[in-house]
N, C-alpha and C. Protein backbone atom coordinates (compact mmCIF):
# COMPACT_ATOMS: atom_id res chain seq x y z
N MET A 1 0.83 -1.20 0.00
CA MET A 1 0.00 0.00 0.00
C MET A 1 0.87 1.25 0.00
N ARG A 2 0.30 2.34 -0.44
CA ARG A 2 1.07 3.57 -0.60
C ARG A 2 0.89 4.47 0.62
N ILE A 3 2.01 4.92 1.17
CA ILE A 3 2.03 5.70 2.40
C ILE A 3 2.72 7.04 2.14
N LEU A 4 2.18 8.10 2.74
CA LEU A 4 2.87 9.39 2.76
C LEU A 4 3.49 9.57 4.14
N VAL A 5 4.82 9.75 4.17
CA VAL A 5 5.54 9.96 5.43
C VAL A 5 5.91 11.43 5.53
N ILE A 6 5.47 12.09 6.61
CA ILE A 6 5.73 13.52 6.83
C ILE A 6 6.58 13.64 8.09
N GLU A 7 7.87 13.91 7.89
CA GLU A 7 8.83 13.92 9.01
C GLU A 7 10.00 14.83 8.64
N ASP A 8 10.41 15.70 9.58
CA ASP A 8 11.46 16.68 9.25
C ASP A 8 12.87 16.20 9.60
N ASP A 9 13.00 15.10 10.32
CA ASP A 9 14.31 14.54 10.63
C ASP A 9 14.77 13.69 9.44
N ALA A 10 15.81 14.15 8.74
CA ALA A 10 16.24 13.51 7.49
C ALA A 10 16.66 12.06 7.69
N VAL A 11 17.37 11.80 8.78
CA VAL A 11 17.83 10.43 9.05
C VAL A 11 16.65 9.51 9.33
N LEU A 12 15.74 9.99 10.17
CA LEU A 12 14.55 9.20 10.51
C LEU A 12 13.67 9.01 9.28
N LEU A 13 13.56 10.04 8.46
CA LEU A 13 12.74 9.97 7.25
C LEU A 13 13.28 8.90 6.30
N ASP A 14 14.60 8.88 6.12
CA ASP A 14 15.21 7.88 5.25
C ASP A 14 15.03 6.48 5.82
N GLY A 15 15.19 6.35 7.14
CA GLY A 15 15.01 5.05 7.78
C GLY A 15 13.59 4.53 7.64
N LEU A 16 12.60 5.43 7.77
CA LEU A 16 11.20 5.03 7.62
C LEU A 16 10.91 4.59 6.18
N LYS A 17 11.45 5.32 5.22
CA LYS A 17 11.22 4.96 3.81
C LYS A 17 11.77 3.58 3.50
N VAL A 18 13.01 3.33 3.95
CA VAL A 18 13.64 2.03 3.69
C VAL A 18 12.93 0.92 4.45
N GLY A 19 12.69 1.17 5.76
CA GLY A 19 12.06 0.14 6.59
C GLY A 19 10.66 -0.21 6.14
N LEU A 20 9.87 0.79 5.80
CA LEU A 20 8.51 0.51 5.34
C LEU A 20 8.52 -0.17 3.98
N GLY A 21 9.53 0.17 3.16
CA GLY A 21 9.66 -0.50 1.87
C GLY A 21 9.90 -1.99 2.05
N LEU A 22 10.72 -2.34 3.02
CA LEU A 22 11.00 -3.76 3.30
C LEU A 22 9.76 -4.47 3.85
N ALA A 23 8.87 -3.70 4.48
CA ALA A 23 7.64 -4.27 5.04
C ALA A 23 6.51 -4.32 4.02
N GLY A 24 6.80 -3.94 2.77
CA GLY A 24 5.80 -4.05 1.72
C GLY A 24 5.05 -2.79 1.39
N PHE A 25 5.45 -1.65 1.98
CA PHE A 25 4.79 -0.38 1.69
C PHE A 25 5.58 0.38 0.62
N SER A 26 4.87 1.23 -0.13
CA SER A 26 5.51 2.18 -1.02
C SER A 26 5.39 3.54 -0.36
N ALA A 27 6.52 4.11 0.08
CA ALA A 27 6.50 5.33 0.89
C ALA A 27 7.00 6.54 0.12
N ASP A 28 6.14 7.56 0.00
CA ASP A 28 6.56 8.87 -0.49
C ASP A 28 6.85 9.74 0.73
N THR A 29 7.84 10.63 0.63
CA THR A 29 8.29 11.37 1.81
C THR A 29 8.32 12.87 1.55
N VAL A 30 7.93 13.63 2.58
CA VAL A 30 8.06 15.10 2.60
C VAL A 30 8.48 15.50 4.00
N SER A 31 9.06 16.70 4.13
CA SER A 31 9.58 17.11 5.43
C SER A 31 9.00 18.42 5.95
N THR A 32 8.08 19.03 5.22
CA THR A 32 7.48 20.29 5.67
C THR A 32 5.96 20.22 5.57
N LEU A 33 5.32 21.11 6.32
CA LEU A 33 3.86 21.18 6.32
C LEU A 33 3.35 21.59 4.94
N SER A 34 4.01 22.55 4.31
CA SER A 34 3.56 23.03 3.00
C SER A 34 3.67 21.94 1.94
N ASP A 35 4.76 21.18 1.95
CA ASP A 35 4.91 20.09 0.98
C ASP A 35 3.88 18.99 1.23
N ALA A 36 3.59 18.75 2.51
CA ALA A 36 2.60 17.74 2.87
C ALA A 36 1.22 18.13 2.36
N MET A 37 0.86 19.40 2.54
CA MET A 37 -0.44 19.87 2.07
C MET A 37 -0.56 19.74 0.55
N ALA A 38 0.52 20.06 -0.15
CA ALA A 38 0.51 19.96 -1.61
C ALA A 38 0.37 18.50 -2.05
N ALA A 39 1.06 17.59 -1.35
CA ALA A 39 0.99 16.17 -1.70
C ALA A 39 -0.40 15.61 -1.48
N ILE A 40 -1.03 15.98 -0.37
CA ILE A 40 -2.36 15.46 -0.04
C ILE A 40 -3.41 16.00 -0.99
N GLU A 41 -3.23 17.25 -1.43
CA GLU A 41 -4.19 17.86 -2.35
C GLU A 41 -4.08 17.29 -3.76
N SER A 42 -2.88 16.83 -4.13
CA SER A 42 -2.66 16.39 -5.51
C SER A 42 -2.65 14.88 -5.69
N ASP A 43 -2.62 14.13 -4.59
CA ASP A 43 -2.48 12.69 -4.71
C ASP A 43 -3.30 12.00 -3.63
N SER A 44 -3.43 10.68 -3.73
CA SER A 44 -4.16 9.91 -2.73
C SER A 44 -3.24 8.84 -2.15
N PHE A 45 -3.45 8.53 -0.87
CA PHE A 45 -2.61 7.58 -0.15
C PHE A 45 -3.49 6.64 0.68
N ASP A 46 -2.96 5.46 0.94
CA ASP A 46 -3.69 4.51 1.77
C ASP A 46 -3.61 4.88 3.25
N ALA A 47 -2.53 5.56 3.63
CA ALA A 47 -2.37 6.02 5.02
C ALA A 47 -1.30 7.09 5.06
N ILE A 48 -1.30 7.86 6.14
CA ILE A 48 -0.32 8.93 6.32
C ILE A 48 0.37 8.75 7.68
N LEU A 49 1.68 8.85 7.65
CA LEU A 49 2.50 8.83 8.86
C LEU A 49 2.93 10.27 9.12
N LEU A 50 2.43 10.87 10.19
CA LEU A 50 2.54 12.31 10.38
C LEU A 50 3.28 12.67 11.66
N ASP A 51 4.38 13.44 11.50
CA ASP A 51 5.11 13.97 12.65
C ASP A 51 4.34 15.17 13.20
N ARG A 52 4.22 15.25 14.50
CA ARG A 52 3.44 16.35 15.09
C ARG A 52 4.14 17.70 14.95
N MET A 53 5.46 17.73 15.13
CA MET A 53 6.20 18.99 15.10
C MET A 53 6.97 19.10 13.79
N LEU A 54 6.59 20.07 12.95
CA LEU A 54 7.24 20.30 11.67
C LEU A 54 7.85 21.69 11.64
N PRO A 55 8.86 21.93 10.80
CA PRO A 55 9.57 23.22 10.84
C PRO A 55 8.70 24.44 10.50
N ASP A 56 7.63 24.22 9.74
CA ASP A 56 6.80 25.36 9.35
C ASP A 56 5.39 25.28 9.92
N GLY A 57 5.19 24.49 10.97
CA GLY A 57 3.88 24.44 11.60
C GLY A 57 3.64 23.13 12.33
N SER A 58 2.43 22.96 12.80
CA SER A 58 2.06 21.77 13.57
C SER A 58 1.35 20.75 12.70
N GLY A 59 1.73 19.49 12.89
CA GLY A 59 1.04 18.42 12.19
C GLY A 59 -0.43 18.34 12.55
N LEU A 60 -0.77 18.79 13.76
CA LEU A 60 -2.17 18.78 14.17
C LEU A 60 -3.01 19.73 13.33
N ASP A 61 -2.42 20.86 12.91
CA ASP A 61 -3.14 21.79 12.04
C ASP A 61 -3.46 21.14 10.70
N LEU A 62 -2.49 20.40 10.16
CA LEU A 62 -2.73 19.67 8.92
C LEU A 62 -3.82 18.64 9.11
N LEU A 63 -3.77 17.93 10.22
CA LEU A 63 -4.74 16.88 10.51
C LEU A 63 -6.15 17.47 10.62
N ARG A 64 -6.27 18.57 11.33
CA ARG A 64 -7.59 19.21 11.47
C ARG A 64 -8.12 19.69 10.11
N ALA A 65 -7.22 20.23 9.28
CA ALA A 65 -7.63 20.70 7.97
C ALA A 65 -8.10 19.53 7.09
N MET A 66 -7.40 18.40 7.18
CA MET A 66 -7.80 17.21 6.44
C MET A 66 -9.20 16.76 6.83
N ARG A 67 -9.42 16.68 8.13
CA ARG A 67 -10.73 16.17 8.59
C ARG A 67 -11.84 17.18 8.29
N ALA A 68 -11.53 18.47 8.36
CA ALA A 68 -12.53 19.48 8.01
C ALA A 68 -12.92 19.39 6.54
N ALA A 69 -11.98 18.95 5.71
CA ALA A 69 -12.25 18.78 4.28
C ALA A 69 -12.81 17.39 3.96
N ASN A 70 -13.15 16.63 5.01
CA ASN A 70 -13.70 15.28 4.89
C ASN A 70 -12.72 14.29 4.26
N ASN A 71 -11.43 14.54 4.45
CA ASN A 71 -10.40 13.59 4.01
C ASN A 71 -10.28 12.52 5.08
N ARG A 72 -10.64 11.29 4.74
CA ARG A 72 -10.72 10.20 5.71
C ARG A 72 -9.49 9.29 5.69
N THR A 73 -8.43 9.70 5.02
CA THR A 73 -7.22 8.88 4.96
C THR A 73 -6.74 8.57 6.39
N PRO A 74 -6.49 7.30 6.71
CA PRO A 74 -6.01 6.95 8.05
C PRO A 74 -4.68 7.64 8.36
N VAL A 75 -4.55 8.16 9.58
CA VAL A 75 -3.35 8.89 9.98
C VAL A 75 -2.78 8.30 11.27
N LEU A 76 -1.50 7.96 11.21
CA LEU A 76 -0.74 7.54 12.38
C LEU A 76 0.16 8.70 12.78
N LEU A 77 -0.06 9.24 13.97
CA LEU A 77 0.65 10.42 14.42
C LEU A 77 1.91 10.03 15.19
N LEU A 78 3.05 10.63 14.80
CA LEU A 78 4.32 10.40 15.48
C LEU A 78 4.72 11.66 16.25
N THR A 79 5.26 11.49 17.44
CA THR A 79 5.71 12.66 18.18
C THR A 79 6.69 12.28 19.27
N ALA A 80 7.56 13.24 19.59
CA ALA A 80 8.47 13.07 20.73
C ALA A 80 7.73 13.33 22.03
N LYS A 81 6.59 14.02 21.94
CA LYS A 81 5.77 14.27 23.12
C LYS A 81 4.87 13.06 23.35
N ASP A 82 4.94 12.51 24.55
CA ASP A 82 4.18 11.30 24.81
C ASP A 82 3.39 11.40 26.11
N GLU A 83 3.01 12.62 26.49
CA GLU A 83 2.16 12.79 27.65
C GLU A 83 0.73 12.42 27.29
N VAL A 84 -0.06 12.09 28.29
CA VAL A 84 -1.45 11.70 28.05
C VAL A 84 -2.20 12.81 27.33
N THR A 85 -2.00 14.05 27.74
CA THR A 85 -2.71 15.17 27.11
C THR A 85 -2.33 15.32 25.64
N ASP A 86 -1.07 15.03 25.31
CA ASP A 86 -0.63 15.10 23.91
C ASP A 86 -1.32 14.03 23.08
N ARG A 87 -1.43 12.84 23.64
CA ARG A 87 -2.12 11.76 22.92
C ARG A 87 -3.59 12.10 22.71
N ILE A 88 -4.21 12.66 23.75
CA ILE A 88 -5.62 13.04 23.64
C ILE A 88 -5.80 14.11 22.57
N ASP A 89 -4.91 15.13 22.57
CA ASP A 89 -5.00 16.19 21.57
C ASP A 89 -4.91 15.62 20.16
N GLY A 90 -3.97 14.70 19.95
CA GLY A 90 -3.79 14.11 18.63
C GLY A 90 -4.99 13.30 18.18
N LEU A 91 -5.52 12.49 19.06
CA LEU A 91 -6.68 11.67 18.71
C LEU A 91 -7.91 12.53 18.48
N ASP A 92 -8.09 13.55 19.31
CA ASP A 92 -9.25 14.44 19.14
C ASP A 92 -9.14 15.29 17.88
N ALA A 93 -7.91 15.51 17.40
CA ALA A 93 -7.74 16.27 16.16
C ALA A 93 -8.05 15.43 14.93
N GLY A 94 -8.18 14.10 15.12
CA GLY A 94 -8.55 13.25 14.00
C GLY A 94 -7.60 12.11 13.69
N ALA A 95 -6.55 11.94 14.52
CA ALA A 95 -5.62 10.84 14.28
C ALA A 95 -6.30 9.50 14.55
N ASP A 96 -5.92 8.48 13.80
CA ASP A 96 -6.47 7.14 14.00
C ASP A 96 -5.65 6.36 15.01
N ASP A 97 -4.39 6.74 15.18
CA ASP A 97 -3.52 6.08 16.15
C ASP A 97 -2.38 7.03 16.47
N TYR A 98 -1.62 6.68 17.48
CA TYR A 98 -0.62 7.60 18.04
C TYR A 98 0.58 6.77 18.48
N LEU A 99 1.78 7.23 18.14
CA LEU A 99 2.99 6.50 18.51
C LEU A 99 4.08 7.47 18.91
N GLY A 100 4.62 7.29 20.11
CA GLY A 100 5.68 8.17 20.60
C GLY A 100 7.05 7.72 20.13
N LYS A 101 7.96 8.69 20.01
CA LYS A 101 9.35 8.40 19.66
C LYS A 101 10.14 8.15 20.93
N PRO A 102 11.16 7.28 20.86
CA PRO A 102 11.55 6.42 19.73
C PRO A 102 10.57 5.27 19.57
N PHE A 103 10.56 4.68 18.39
CA PHE A 103 9.62 3.61 18.11
C PHE A 103 10.32 2.50 17.34
N ASP A 104 9.66 1.37 17.27
CA ASP A 104 10.18 0.22 16.53
C ASP A 104 9.52 0.19 15.15
N LEU A 105 10.29 -0.01 14.10
CA LEU A 105 9.76 0.00 12.73
C LEU A 105 8.71 -1.09 12.52
N ASP A 106 8.90 -2.24 13.14
CA ASP A 106 7.91 -3.30 13.00
C ASP A 106 6.57 -2.88 13.59
N GLU A 107 6.62 -2.12 14.71
CA GLU A 107 5.38 -1.64 15.31
C GLU A 107 4.71 -0.59 14.43
N VAL A 108 5.52 0.28 13.81
CA VAL A 108 4.96 1.27 12.89
C VAL A 108 4.22 0.56 11.77
N ALA A 109 4.84 -0.46 11.18
CA ALA A 109 4.22 -1.20 10.08
C ALA A 109 2.93 -1.88 10.54
N ALA A 110 2.96 -2.47 11.75
CA ALA A 110 1.78 -3.16 12.27
C ALA A 110 0.64 -2.18 12.52
N ARG A 111 0.96 -0.99 13.05
CA ARG A 111 -0.08 0.00 13.30
C ARG A 111 -0.65 0.55 11.99
N LEU A 112 0.19 0.71 10.98
CA LEU A 112 -0.31 1.14 9.67
C LEU A 112 -1.25 0.10 9.08
N ARG A 113 -0.88 -1.17 9.20
CA ARG A 113 -1.77 -2.23 8.70
C ARG A 113 -3.10 -2.21 9.44
N ALA A 114 -3.04 -1.95 10.76
CA ALA A 114 -4.26 -1.96 11.57
C ALA A 114 -5.20 -0.82 11.19
N ILE A 115 -4.66 0.40 11.03
CA ILE A 115 -5.56 1.53 10.75
C ILE A 115 -6.11 1.47 9.33
N THR A 116 -5.33 0.92 8.39
CA THR A 116 -5.87 0.78 7.03
C THR A 116 -6.90 -0.35 6.99
N ARG A 117 -6.68 -1.39 7.76
CA ARG A 117 -7.66 -2.49 7.82
C ARG A 117 -8.99 -1.98 8.37
N ARG A 118 -8.93 -1.18 9.44
CA ARG A 118 -10.16 -0.64 10.01
C ARG A 118 -10.86 0.30 9.02
N ALA A 119 -10.06 1.09 8.30
CA ALA A 119 -10.64 2.02 7.32
C ALA A 119 -11.37 1.27 6.21
N GLU A 120 -10.88 0.09 5.88
CA GLU A 120 -11.51 -0.72 4.83
C GLU A 120 -12.70 -1.52 5.36
N GLY A 121 -12.89 -1.50 6.69
CA GLY A 121 -14.00 -2.23 7.29
C GLY A 121 -13.74 -3.72 7.43
N ARG A 122 -12.47 -4.12 7.41
CA ARG A 122 -12.12 -5.54 7.58
C ARG A 122 -11.87 -5.86 9.04
N ALA A 123 -12.43 -6.97 9.51
CA ALA A 123 -12.22 -7.37 10.90
C ALA A 123 -10.97 -8.23 11.06
N THR A 124 -10.63 -8.99 10.03
CA THR A 124 -9.51 -9.92 10.13
C THR A 124 -8.30 -9.39 9.36
N PRO A 125 -7.09 -9.65 9.86
CA PRO A 125 -5.89 -9.15 9.18
C PRO A 125 -5.57 -9.85 7.87
N LYS A 126 -6.02 -11.10 7.71
CA LYS A 126 -5.69 -11.86 6.51
C LYS A 126 -6.81 -11.72 5.47
N LEU A 127 -6.41 -11.79 4.20
CA LEU A 127 -7.36 -11.72 3.09
C LEU A 127 -7.50 -13.10 2.47
N THR A 128 -8.71 -13.48 2.12
CA THR A 128 -8.93 -14.80 1.52
C THR A 128 -9.77 -14.66 0.26
N TRP A 129 -9.48 -15.57 -0.69
CA TRP A 129 -10.25 -15.60 -1.95
C TRP A 129 -10.04 -16.94 -2.64
N GLU A 130 -11.09 -17.71 -2.78
CA GLU A 130 -11.09 -18.93 -3.59
C GLU A 130 -9.90 -19.84 -3.27
N GLY A 131 -9.74 -20.21 -2.01
CA GLY A 131 -8.67 -21.12 -1.61
C GLY A 131 -7.32 -20.47 -1.42
N MET A 132 -7.27 -19.13 -1.52
CA MET A 132 -6.02 -18.39 -1.37
C MET A 132 -6.10 -17.53 -0.12
N THR A 133 -5.01 -17.47 0.65
CA THR A 133 -4.93 -16.64 1.85
C THR A 133 -3.69 -15.76 1.77
N LEU A 134 -3.87 -14.47 1.98
CA LEU A 134 -2.77 -13.50 1.92
C LEU A 134 -2.63 -12.85 3.29
N ASP A 135 -1.42 -12.87 3.83
CA ASP A 135 -1.14 -12.28 5.13
C ASP A 135 -0.25 -11.05 4.96
N PRO A 136 -0.79 -9.83 5.09
CA PRO A 136 0.03 -8.63 4.91
C PRO A 136 1.17 -8.51 5.92
N ALA A 137 1.00 -9.07 7.11
CA ALA A 137 2.03 -8.95 8.14
C ALA A 137 3.28 -9.75 7.80
N SER A 138 3.09 -11.00 7.40
CA SER A 138 4.22 -11.87 7.10
C SER A 138 4.60 -11.83 5.61
N MET A 139 3.75 -11.17 4.81
CA MET A 139 3.94 -11.11 3.35
C MET A 139 4.00 -12.52 2.75
N GLU A 140 3.12 -13.39 3.27
CA GLU A 140 3.03 -14.76 2.76
C GLU A 140 1.70 -14.97 2.06
N VAL A 141 1.74 -15.80 1.03
CA VAL A 141 0.53 -16.19 0.32
C VAL A 141 0.44 -17.70 0.32
N LEU A 142 -0.71 -18.21 0.74
CA LEU A 142 -0.96 -19.65 0.72
C LEU A 142 -2.08 -19.93 -0.26
N GLN A 143 -1.86 -20.93 -1.11
CA GLN A 143 -2.89 -21.37 -2.04
C GLN A 143 -3.14 -22.85 -1.77
N ASN A 144 -4.35 -23.15 -1.29
CA ASN A 144 -4.71 -24.52 -0.90
C ASN A 144 -3.69 -25.10 0.08
N GLY A 145 -3.24 -24.25 1.01
CA GLY A 145 -2.33 -24.69 2.06
C GLY A 145 -0.86 -24.67 1.70
N GLU A 146 -0.54 -24.34 0.46
CA GLU A 146 0.86 -24.33 0.01
C GLU A 146 1.37 -22.90 -0.11
N ILE A 147 2.57 -22.64 0.45
CA ILE A 147 3.15 -21.30 0.37
C ILE A 147 3.61 -21.01 -1.05
N ILE A 148 3.20 -19.86 -1.57
CA ILE A 148 3.57 -19.44 -2.91
C ILE A 148 4.58 -18.29 -2.79
N GLY A 149 5.77 -18.47 -3.32
CA GLY A 149 6.80 -17.44 -3.24
C GLY A 149 6.55 -16.32 -4.24
N LEU A 150 6.43 -15.08 -3.73
CA LEU A 150 6.20 -13.93 -4.58
C LEU A 150 7.24 -12.86 -4.30
N SER A 151 7.55 -12.06 -5.31
CA SER A 151 8.41 -10.90 -5.10
C SER A 151 7.60 -9.83 -4.39
N ARG A 152 8.26 -8.78 -3.91
CA ARG A 152 7.58 -7.71 -3.19
C ARG A 152 6.55 -7.02 -4.08
N ARG A 153 6.89 -6.78 -5.33
CA ARG A 153 5.97 -6.13 -6.26
C ARG A 153 4.79 -7.04 -6.59
N GLU A 154 5.07 -8.31 -6.82
CA GLU A 154 3.98 -9.26 -7.10
C GLU A 154 3.02 -9.33 -5.93
N PHE A 155 3.58 -9.36 -4.72
CA PHE A 155 2.74 -9.40 -3.53
C PHE A 155 1.87 -8.15 -3.44
N ALA A 156 2.45 -6.99 -3.76
CA ALA A 156 1.71 -5.72 -3.69
C ALA A 156 0.55 -5.70 -4.68
N VAL A 157 0.77 -6.21 -5.88
CA VAL A 157 -0.31 -6.28 -6.87
C VAL A 157 -1.42 -7.19 -6.38
N LEU A 158 -1.05 -8.36 -5.88
CA LEU A 158 -2.04 -9.31 -5.40
C LEU A 158 -2.81 -8.74 -4.20
N LEU A 159 -2.11 -8.05 -3.31
CA LEU A 159 -2.77 -7.43 -2.16
C LEU A 159 -3.82 -6.41 -2.62
N ALA A 160 -3.45 -5.57 -3.57
CA ALA A 160 -4.38 -4.56 -4.08
C ALA A 160 -5.62 -5.21 -4.69
N LEU A 161 -5.43 -6.29 -5.43
CA LEU A 161 -6.55 -6.97 -6.06
C LEU A 161 -7.43 -7.68 -5.03
N MET A 162 -6.81 -8.31 -4.03
CA MET A 162 -7.57 -9.09 -3.06
C MET A 162 -8.30 -8.22 -2.04
N GLU A 163 -7.88 -6.97 -1.88
CA GLU A 163 -8.61 -6.07 -0.98
C GLU A 163 -10.04 -5.86 -1.48
N ASN A 164 -10.22 -5.82 -2.81
CA ASN A 164 -11.55 -5.72 -3.42
C ASN A 164 -11.57 -6.68 -4.61
N PRO A 165 -11.73 -7.97 -4.36
CA PRO A 165 -11.49 -8.98 -5.40
C PRO A 165 -12.45 -8.92 -6.59
N THR A 166 -13.65 -8.42 -6.40
CA THR A 166 -14.59 -8.37 -7.52
C THR A 166 -14.57 -7.04 -8.26
N MET A 167 -13.82 -6.07 -7.74
CA MET A 167 -13.73 -4.77 -8.38
C MET A 167 -12.63 -4.78 -9.44
N VAL A 168 -12.86 -4.10 -10.54
CA VAL A 168 -11.85 -4.00 -11.59
C VAL A 168 -10.89 -2.87 -11.23
N HIS A 169 -9.59 -3.20 -11.20
CA HIS A 169 -8.55 -2.24 -10.86
C HIS A 169 -7.82 -1.83 -12.13
N SER A 170 -7.80 -0.55 -12.44
CA SER A 170 -7.12 -0.10 -13.64
C SER A 170 -5.61 -0.20 -13.47
N LYS A 171 -4.92 -0.21 -14.58
CA LYS A 171 -3.46 -0.24 -14.57
C LYS A 171 -2.90 0.97 -13.82
N GLN A 172 -3.51 2.13 -14.05
CA GLN A 172 -3.03 3.35 -13.39
C GLN A 172 -3.18 3.28 -11.88
N ILE A 173 -4.31 2.74 -11.41
CA ILE A 173 -4.52 2.61 -9.96
C ILE A 173 -3.50 1.67 -9.36
N LEU A 174 -3.22 0.56 -10.03
CA LEU A 174 -2.24 -0.39 -9.52
C LEU A 174 -0.84 0.22 -9.50
N GLU A 175 -0.50 0.99 -10.52
CA GLU A 175 0.80 1.67 -10.54
C GLU A 175 0.92 2.65 -9.38
N THR A 176 -0.17 3.35 -9.09
CA THR A 176 -0.17 4.31 -7.98
C THR A 176 0.06 3.60 -6.65
N ARG A 177 -0.52 2.42 -6.50
CA ARG A 177 -0.35 1.67 -5.26
C ARG A 177 1.07 1.15 -5.09
N LEU A 178 1.75 0.86 -6.20
CA LEU A 178 3.05 0.19 -6.14
C LEU A 178 4.24 1.14 -6.13
N TYR A 179 4.10 2.30 -6.76
CA TYR A 179 5.29 3.11 -7.01
C TYR A 179 5.14 4.53 -6.47
N GLY A 180 6.25 5.04 -5.93
CA GLY A 180 6.29 6.40 -5.42
C GLY A 180 6.65 7.40 -6.50
N TRP A 181 6.77 8.67 -6.08
CA TRP A 181 7.03 9.75 -7.03
C TRP A 181 8.35 9.58 -7.78
N GLN A 182 9.40 9.16 -7.04
CA GLN A 182 10.73 9.13 -7.63
C GLN A 182 11.03 7.85 -8.40
N GLU A 183 10.10 6.91 -8.41
CA GLU A 183 10.36 5.62 -9.05
C GLU A 183 9.90 5.63 -10.51
N GLU A 184 10.77 5.14 -11.38
CA GLU A 184 10.44 5.08 -12.80
C GLU A 184 9.59 3.85 -13.09
N ILE A 185 8.54 4.02 -13.86
CA ILE A 185 7.62 2.93 -14.18
C ILE A 185 7.68 2.65 -15.67
N GLU A 186 8.01 1.44 -16.04
CA GLU A 186 8.00 1.06 -17.44
C GLU A 186 6.57 0.83 -17.91
N SER A 187 6.33 0.99 -19.18
CA SER A 187 4.97 0.97 -19.72
C SER A 187 4.24 -0.35 -19.49
N ASN A 188 4.99 -1.46 -19.45
CA ASN A 188 4.35 -2.77 -19.31
C ASN A 188 4.58 -3.40 -17.94
N THR A 189 4.91 -2.59 -16.94
CA THR A 189 5.26 -3.12 -15.62
C THR A 189 4.14 -3.95 -15.01
N ILE A 190 2.93 -3.43 -14.99
CA ILE A 190 1.81 -4.15 -14.38
C ILE A 190 1.52 -5.43 -15.14
N GLU A 191 1.56 -5.37 -16.46
CA GLU A 191 1.32 -6.58 -17.25
C GLU A 191 2.32 -7.68 -16.90
N VAL A 192 3.58 -7.29 -16.70
CA VAL A 192 4.62 -8.27 -16.34
C VAL A 192 4.32 -8.91 -14.99
N HIS A 193 3.95 -8.10 -14.00
CA HIS A 193 3.63 -8.63 -12.67
C HIS A 193 2.43 -9.57 -12.73
N VAL A 194 1.40 -9.18 -13.48
CA VAL A 194 0.21 -10.01 -13.60
C VAL A 194 0.55 -11.33 -14.29
N HIS A 195 1.38 -11.27 -15.32
CA HIS A 195 1.81 -12.49 -16.02
C HIS A 195 2.52 -13.45 -15.06
N LYS A 196 3.41 -12.91 -14.24
CA LYS A 196 4.14 -13.76 -13.28
C LYS A 196 3.22 -14.33 -12.21
N LEU A 197 2.25 -13.53 -11.77
CA LEU A 197 1.28 -14.03 -10.79
C LEU A 197 0.44 -15.16 -11.36
N ARG A 198 0.03 -15.03 -12.59
CA ARG A 198 -0.75 -16.10 -13.23
C ARG A 198 0.06 -17.37 -13.36
N HIS A 199 1.34 -17.21 -13.66
CA HIS A 199 2.22 -18.38 -13.78
C HIS A 199 2.33 -19.11 -12.45
N LYS A 200 2.35 -18.36 -11.34
CA LYS A 200 2.52 -18.98 -10.01
C LYS A 200 1.21 -19.43 -9.39
N LEU A 201 0.11 -18.70 -9.67
CA LEU A 201 -1.16 -18.97 -9.00
C LEU A 201 -2.17 -19.69 -9.89
N GLY A 202 -1.92 -19.71 -11.18
CA GLY A 202 -2.86 -20.33 -12.10
C GLY A 202 -3.31 -19.33 -13.16
N ALA A 203 -3.53 -19.80 -14.36
CA ALA A 203 -3.82 -18.92 -15.49
C ALA A 203 -5.10 -18.11 -15.31
N THR A 204 -6.05 -18.65 -14.54
CA THR A 204 -7.33 -17.96 -14.36
C THR A 204 -7.43 -17.24 -13.01
N SER A 205 -6.31 -17.16 -12.29
CA SER A 205 -6.35 -16.55 -10.96
C SER A 205 -6.62 -15.06 -11.00
N ILE A 206 -6.20 -14.40 -12.09
CA ILE A 206 -6.45 -12.97 -12.28
C ILE A 206 -7.11 -12.79 -13.64
N GLU A 207 -8.22 -12.09 -13.64
CA GLU A 207 -9.01 -11.89 -14.86
C GLU A 207 -8.71 -10.52 -15.46
N THR A 208 -8.53 -10.48 -16.78
CA THR A 208 -8.38 -9.21 -17.50
C THR A 208 -9.73 -8.76 -18.01
N VAL A 209 -10.12 -7.54 -17.66
CA VAL A 209 -11.32 -6.93 -18.22
C VAL A 209 -10.83 -5.98 -19.30
N ARG A 210 -10.97 -6.37 -20.53
CA ARG A 210 -10.35 -5.69 -21.65
C ARG A 210 -10.69 -4.21 -21.69
N GLY A 211 -9.64 -3.39 -21.77
CA GLY A 211 -9.81 -1.96 -21.86
C GLY A 211 -10.07 -1.28 -20.52
N VAL A 212 -10.17 -2.07 -19.44
CA VAL A 212 -10.47 -1.50 -18.12
C VAL A 212 -9.38 -1.80 -17.11
N GLY A 213 -9.10 -3.09 -16.89
CA GLY A 213 -8.08 -3.43 -15.90
C GLY A 213 -8.15 -4.88 -15.48
N TYR A 214 -7.91 -5.14 -14.19
CA TYR A 214 -7.80 -6.50 -13.67
C TYR A 214 -8.64 -6.68 -12.41
N ARG A 215 -9.06 -7.94 -12.20
CA ARG A 215 -9.70 -8.32 -10.95
C ARG A 215 -9.39 -9.79 -10.68
N MET A 216 -9.66 -10.22 -9.47
CA MET A 216 -9.41 -11.61 -9.13
C MET A 216 -10.37 -12.50 -9.91
N GLY A 217 -9.86 -13.65 -10.35
CA GLY A 217 -10.67 -14.59 -11.10
C GLY A 217 -10.90 -15.87 -10.33
N LYS A 218 -11.54 -16.79 -10.95
CA LYS A 218 -11.83 -18.09 -10.35
C LYS A 218 -10.74 -19.08 -10.74
N PRO A 219 -10.06 -19.66 -9.75
CA PRO A 219 -8.98 -20.59 -10.09
C PRO A 219 -9.53 -21.87 -10.71
């Protein structure tokens, strides 16, 4: 899933981008309130990781503005302040969860999975479809009880499709989920990933809706 990370500490920002990438997220990064506002207005994200204290303003102001504009993107708030009143202020401003610094990257990833799962209305962490089970936490896919080895990109495509298995996902939407601003996308990238997934999961596991996109098929 695609995440926007808003953090002014360059070292921490780089660590979050790399760490979340290893956990299966595609992370775009900004370090100021103004850049964050521009990114949110021009693009869509599955979740936002937001530092409370930014060099040009408060992350809470951004959060309040988002919610006032009916932007429901899940937000995980990060801060060095970890007093009870600070947590209350963040949650009341519209945050979905709150994490104090320092933090563990695995916990950040787990909390992001949790808030996006709740936003999608899913009760269980694992996704299932026609004898297939996908676990976002372990990045494992089981088909009829057998583990299927997938690359990170293949897993991301399958995750996007299985979140709404009967909905047709356009190539552009899948590219947005997989790749950040700075990443170069070849014209046939999604087709290649889908071809490899069909080879591993079965020729009918993913259905092509001609001229529209892809959805999960019947194995």
